[in-house]
Amino acid sequence: MEKIIEVSDLSYRYSDEHPFVLKDINFTVNKGEWLSIVGHNGSGKSTLAKCLNGLILPQKGTVKVGGYTTSDEEAIWEVRRLVGMVFQNPDNQFVGATVQDDVAFGMENHGVSREVMKERLSEALRLVKMDDFAKSEPYRLSGGQKQRVAIAGIVALQPLIIIMDEATSMLDPEGRKEIIQTVRALNKKHHLTVISITHDLEEAIHSDRLLVMNEGKMIREGKPRDLFKSTDLLRKVGLDLPFTVKMRNELRAKGVPLSDTALFQEELVDELWTLHSSK
């Protein structure tokens, strides 16, 4: 598969007086992949996100995005054109009086022509299912709707990569579900590469691959279904397991003959129903 991000021996600290908050990080991201980087607060995952779009530069190692090295001053604007960021608080991201004004703002800053802007605006709002709210005032929207508008603003710029830095952490369960469904659709139908920075494993199970961080180091990586077969490491680094995984483990501990692969409630219900039907 084509690699769109390559991180090699990355280390970073905020000053010479402080210890490294990232230590010898190595990984790649494939084009069109949904990668979740998980860890508790202070694990270094948000600092890593800033390294991926060149907001901060590593003291050691390299970060390449789309073939461009972030430490190359001549390439940094190209890197930032390739990477869009969606942050934690949607209210802090609005600058327009209406939804369409807000989505258009980024394109205006990038010098997109008016005709192209109109096409991209309509398409971006349609993709996140907010086209009926184009003339609405952002403050009247729900948390999930606000975050979908923020995603539309990024999509309109046509990046190859979208980084979501704790983008669902302030949303209620319904809003979180909306965002996950929206991002999955963009990822699958439009091959947008997604990097989710999160401590929420309930969200992370929807991704293609997980990187687990602790104390500035990458300590584990793999597909969600593989990593959640053994949960001792995830609990040890302070991560709260998804409800289905906790329920599955409790039932197995009580002697219920379940597999160790169920991640979603539907899968667990199907297994339990199959066991009941076979009695």
Protein backbone atom coordinates (compact mmCIF):
# COMPACT_ATOMS: atom_id res chain seq x y z
CA MET A 1 0.00 0.00 0.00
CA GLU A 2 1.08 3.58 -0.64
CA LYS A 3 2.55 5.27 2.44
CA ILE A 4 1.37 8.85 2.94
CA ILE A 5 3.08 9.52 6.31
CA GLU A 6 6.45 8.19 7.46
CA VAL A 7 7.72 8.88 10.98
CA SER A 8 11.30 7.82 11.70
CA ASP A 9 13.06 7.95 15.09
CA LEU A 10 10.99 10.96 16.16
CA SER A 11 11.86 12.55 19.49
CA TYR A 12 10.64 15.89 20.82
CA ARG A 13 10.86 18.01 23.95
CA TYR A 14 9.52 21.50 24.58
CA SER A 15 12.79 22.88 25.96
CA ASP A 16 16.30 21.74 26.85
CA GLU A 17 15.32 21.84 30.54
CA HIS A 18 12.46 19.38 30.07
CA PRO A 19 12.54 15.64 29.34
CA PHE A 20 11.52 14.31 25.93
CA VAL A 21 7.75 13.96 25.59
CA LEU A 22 8.17 11.85 22.43
CA LYS A 23 10.86 9.19 22.38
CA ASP A 24 12.06 7.36 19.25
CA ILE A 25 8.65 7.08 17.56
CA ASN A 26 8.50 5.02 14.35
CA PHE A 27 5.41 4.29 12.27
CA THR A 28 3.84 4.77 8.85
CA VAL A 29 0.32 5.63 7.71
CA ASN A 30 -1.11 4.19 4.51
CA LYS A 31 -3.11 6.29 2.10
CA GLY A 32 -6.84 5.87 2.77
CA GLU A 33 -6.29 4.31 6.21
CA TRP A 34 -8.10 5.23 9.42
CA LEU A 35 -5.48 5.16 12.17
CA SER A 36 -6.24 5.84 15.84
CA ILE A 37 -3.45 6.98 18.15
CA VAL A 38 -4.58 6.23 21.71
CA GLY A 39 -3.20 6.92 25.16
CA HIS A 40 -4.12 8.58 28.43
CA ASN A 41 -3.55 12.29 29.08
CA GLY A 42 0.16 13.09 29.01
CA SER A 43 1.11 10.13 26.83
CA GLY A 44 2.35 12.42 24.03
CA LYS A 45 -0.35 11.78 21.45
CA SER A 46 -1.40 15.43 20.96
CA THR A 47 2.24 16.51 20.66
CA LEU A 48 2.63 13.83 18.00
CA ALA A 49 -0.37 15.25 16.13
CA LYS A 50 1.30 18.66 15.99
CA CYS A 51 4.43 17.05 14.58
CA LEU A 52 2.42 15.44 11.79
CA ASN A 53 1.37 18.75 10.25
CA GLY A 54 4.53 20.70 11.00
CA LEU A 55 3.17 22.85 13.82
CA ILE A 56 6.22 21.71 15.78
CA LEU A 57 9.44 20.19 14.45
CA PRO A 58 11.28 17.23 16.01
CA GLN A 59 14.68 17.66 17.63
CA LYS A 60 15.53 14.17 16.44
CA GLY A 61 14.27 12.06 13.57
CA THR A 62 12.07 12.98 10.62
CA VAL A 63 8.41 13.28 9.66
CA LYS A 64 7.45 12.95 6.00
CA VAL A 65 3.96 13.79 4.74
CA GLY A 66 3.14 13.04 1.12
CA GLY A 67 6.87 12.80 0.45
CA TYR A 68 7.61 16.23 1.97
CA THR A 69 9.77 16.54 5.10
CA THR A 70 8.22 18.82 7.72
CA SER A 71 11.60 20.32 8.65
CA ASP A 72 12.04 21.59 5.07
CA GLU A 73 11.02 25.27 5.24
CA GLU A 74 10.24 25.34 1.52
CA ALA A 75 7.85 22.39 1.86
CA ILE A 76 6.04 23.23 5.10
CA TRP A 77 3.09 25.01 3.43
CA GLU A 78 2.61 22.05 1.12
CA VAL A 79 2.55 19.77 4.18
CA ARG A 80 -0.12 21.92 5.81
CA ARG A 81 -2.12 21.94 2.59
CA LEU A 82 -2.15 18.14 2.70
CA VAL A 83 -3.22 17.92 6.35
CA GLY A 84 -6.44 19.30 7.88
CA MET A 85 -7.01 19.48 11.65
CA VAL A 86 -10.28 19.15 13.57
CA PHE A 87 -9.92 20.13 17.22
CA GLN A 88 -11.64 19.28 20.49
CA ASN A 89 -14.03 22.20 20.96
CA PRO A 90 -16.17 22.98 17.88
CA ASP A 91 -17.18 26.38 19.31
CA ASN A 92 -13.56 27.55 19.12
CA GLN A 93 -13.41 26.81 15.38
CA PHE A 94 -16.23 29.02 14.11
CA VAL A 95 -15.46 32.35 12.48
CA GLY A 96 -18.47 32.83 10.16
CA ALA A 97 -21.95 34.19 10.87
CA THR A 98 -23.52 31.24 9.06
CA VAL A 99 -22.53 27.67 8.32
CA GLN A 100 -21.73 28.44 4.67
CA ASP A 101 -19.64 31.48 5.67
CA ASP A 102 -17.64 29.34 8.05
CA VAL A 103 -16.94 26.60 5.50
CA ALA A 104 -15.99 29.24 2.90
CA PHE A 105 -13.53 31.00 5.24
CA GLY A 106 -10.68 28.53 4.83
CA MET A 107 -11.05 28.46 1.06
CA GLU A 108 -10.92 32.27 0.92
CA ASN A 109 -7.65 32.19 2.87
CA HIS A 110 -6.25 29.69 0.38
CA GLY A 111 -7.17 31.87 -2.58
CA VAL A 112 -9.75 29.50 -4.07
CA SER A 113 -11.71 31.17 -6.88
CA ARG A 114 -15.36 32.05 -6.25
CA GLU A 115 -16.73 29.54 -8.78
CA VAL A 116 -14.65 26.69 -7.42
CA MET A 117 -15.51 27.76 -3.88
CA LYS A 118 -19.25 27.50 -4.55
CA GLU A 119 -18.85 23.97 -5.92
CA ARG A 120 -16.67 22.81 -3.03
CA LEU A 121 -18.94 24.44 -0.46
CA SER A 122 -22.03 22.60 -1.69
CA GLU A 123 -20.17 19.30 -1.99
CA ALA A 124 -18.54 19.51 1.45
CA LEU A 125 -21.83 20.28 3.21
CA ARG A 126 -23.55 17.49 1.31
CA LEU A 127 -20.87 14.97 2.29
CA VAL A 128 -21.33 15.70 6.00
CA LYS A 129 -25.13 15.92 5.62
CA MET A 130 -25.33 19.58 6.62
CA ASP A 131 -26.51 21.05 3.30
CA ASP A 132 -29.92 21.87 4.78
CA PHE A 133 -28.21 24.03 7.41
CA ALA A 134 -26.08 26.19 5.06
CA LYS A 135 -27.71 29.46 6.18
CA SER A 136 -28.08 28.50 9.85
CA GLU A 137 -26.22 30.30 12.61
CA PRO A 138 -23.55 27.97 14.08
CA TYR A 139 -24.50 28.63 17.71
CA ARG A 140 -27.95 27.15 17.07
CA LEU A 141 -26.48 23.76 16.09
CA SER A 142 -25.96 20.73 18.31
CA GLY A 143 -22.43 19.70 19.28
CA GLY A 144 -22.37 16.93 16.70
CA GLN A 145 -23.65 19.24 13.97
CA LYS A 146 -21.02 21.86 14.83
CA GLN A 147 -18.26 19.29 14.55
CA ARG A 148 -19.65 18.10 11.20
CA VAL A 149 -19.46 21.70 9.95
CA ALA A 150 -15.85 21.88 11.16
CA ILE A 151 -15.13 18.71 9.17
CA ALA A 152 -16.85 20.23 6.12
CA GLY A 153 -14.53 23.23 6.36
CA ILE A 154 -11.55 20.90 6.23
CA VAL A 155 -12.98 18.70 3.46
CA ALA A 156 -13.62 21.81 1.31
CA LEU A 157 -9.86 22.45 1.30
CA GLN A 158 -9.40 18.97 -0.21
CA PRO A 159 -6.58 17.70 2.00
CA LEU A 160 -5.35 14.12 1.68
CA ILE A 161 -5.28 13.67 5.46
CA ILE A 162 -7.57 14.76 8.28
CA ILE A 163 -6.34 14.69 11.88
CA MET A 164 -8.99 14.66 14.59
CA ASP A 165 -7.45 15.77 17.89
CA GLU A 166 -9.91 14.57 20.58
CA ALA A 167 -12.64 15.83 18.24
CA THR A 168 -15.45 13.85 19.91
CA SER A 169 -14.44 14.24 23.55
CA MET A 170 -16.86 17.13 24.27
CA LEU A 171 -19.84 15.53 22.50
CA ASP A 172 -22.71 13.52 23.91
CA PRO A 173 -23.08 9.88 22.77
CA GLU A 174 -25.39 10.82 19.88
CA GLY A 175 -23.03 13.54 18.67
CA ARG A 176 -20.08 11.17 18.93
CA LYS A 177 -21.96 8.58 16.87
CA GLU A 178 -22.73 11.22 14.20
CA ILE A 179 -19.06 12.15 13.85
CA ILE A 180 -17.84 8.56 13.69
CA GLN A 181 -20.37 7.77 10.97
CA THR A 182 -19.43 10.91 9.02
CA VAL A 183 -15.71 10.21 9.21
CA ARG A 184 -16.18 6.56 8.27
CA ALA A 185 -18.15 7.58 5.18
CA LEU A 186 -15.46 10.06 4.11
CA ASN A 187 -12.77 7.49 4.76
CA LYS A 188 -14.44 4.67 2.85
CA LYS A 189 -16.18 6.47 -0.02
CA HIS A 190 -13.64 9.20 -0.68
CA HIS A 191 -10.41 7.50 0.47
CA LEU A 192 -9.62 10.29 2.91
CA THR A 193 -6.82 9.29 5.26
CA VAL A 194 -7.96 9.77 8.88
CA ILE A 195 -5.80 10.00 11.99
CA SER A 196 -7.78 10.08 15.22
CA ILE A 197 -6.02 11.23 18.39
CA THR A 198 -8.10 9.94 21.28
CA HIS A 199 -8.22 8.33 24.70
CA ASP A 200 -11.68 6.92 23.93
CA LEU A 201 -11.36 3.27 22.97
CA GLU A 202 -15.10 3.13 22.25
CA GLU A 203 -14.30 5.41 19.31
CA ALA A 204 -10.99 3.77 18.41
CA ILE A 205 -12.50 0.34 17.73
CA HIS A 206 -13.97 1.74 14.51
CA SER A 207 -10.52 2.44 13.03
CA ASP A 208 -8.44 0.18 10.80
CA ARG A 209 -5.40 0.20 13.07
CA LEU A 210 -4.38 1.38 16.53
CA LEU A 211 -1.15 2.82 17.90
CA VAL A 212 -0.95 2.73 21.70
CA MET A 213 1.21 5.37 23.41
CA ASN A 214 2.42 5.65 26.97
CA GLU A 215 4.93 8.09 28.47
CA GLY A 216 6.01 9.32 25.07
CA LYS A 217 6.65 5.91 23.57
CA MET A 218 4.71 3.78 21.11
CA ILE A 219 4.22 0.54 23.02
CA ARG A 220 1.87 -1.44 20.79
CA GLU A 221 0.27 -1.36 17.34
CA GLY A 222 -2.17 -3.53 15.47
CA LYS A 223 -5.75 -4.01 14.31
CA PRO A 224 -8.42 -3.34 16.98
CA ARG A 225 -9.71 -6.91 16.89
CA ASP A 226 -6.21 -8.24 17.60
CA LEU A 227 -5.31 -5.74 20.32
CA PHE A 228 -8.54 -6.29 22.25
CA LYS A 229 -8.02 -10.04 22.51
CA SER A 230 -5.66 -9.31 25.39
CA THR A 231 -6.62 -6.23 27.38
CA ASP A 232 -4.14 -6.27 30.28
CA LEU A 233 -1.75 -3.81 28.60
CA LEU A 234 -4.52 -1.33 27.75
CA ARG A 235 -5.80 -1.38 31.32
CA LYS A 236 -2.25 -1.06 32.68
CA VAL A 237 -1.70 2.23 30.84
CA GLY A 238 -4.96 3.66 32.19
CA LEU A 239 -7.32 3.25 29.23
CA ASP A 240 -10.99 2.44 29.80
CA LEU A 241 -12.09 -0.54 27.73
CA PRO A 242 -15.15 -0.37 25.44
CA PHE A 243 -18.38 -1.56 27.04
CA THR A 244 -18.68 -4.61 24.77
CA VAL A 245 -15.14 -5.74 25.54
CA LYS A 246 -15.67 -5.36 29.30
CA MET A 247 -18.95 -7.27 29.12
CA ARG A 248 -17.37 -9.99 26.97
CA ASN A 249 -14.49 -10.41 29.43
CA GLU A 250 -16.82 -10.55 32.45
CA LEU A 251 -18.96 -13.24 30.81
CA ARG A 252 -15.90 -15.27 29.80
CA ALA A 253 -14.58 -15.02 33.37
CA LYS A 254 -17.88 -16.51 34.58
CA GLY A 255 -17.49 -19.47 32.24
CA VAL A 256 -19.64 -18.37 29.29
CA PRO A 257 -17.95 -19.90 26.20
CA LEU A 258 -17.55 -16.72 24.12
CA SER A 259 -14.84 -15.90 21.61
CA ASP A 260 -12.25 -13.20 22.34
CA THR A 261 -12.98 -11.26 19.15
CA ALA A 262 -16.33 -9.47 19.65
CA LEU A 263 -15.86 -5.67 19.59
CA PHE A 264 -19.35 -4.37 18.88
CA GLN A 265 -22.59 -4.94 20.76
CA GLU A 266 -24.22 -6.58 17.74
CA GLU A 267 -21.43 -9.16 17.58
CA LEU A 268 -21.73 -10.01 21.28
CA VAL A 269 -25.52 -10.29 21.05
CA ASP A 270 -25.18 -12.61 18.03
CA GLU A 271 -22.78 -14.88 19.94
CA LEU A 272 -25.04 -15.00 22.99
CA TRP A 273 -28.08 -15.70 20.81
CA THR A 274 -26.23 -18.51 19.03
CA LEU A 275 -25.30 -20.07 22.38
CA HIS A 276 -28.88 -19.79 23.61
CA SER A 277 -30.30 -21.28 20.41
CA SER A 278 -27.96 -24.26 20.52
CA LYS A 279 -29.16 -25.36 23.97
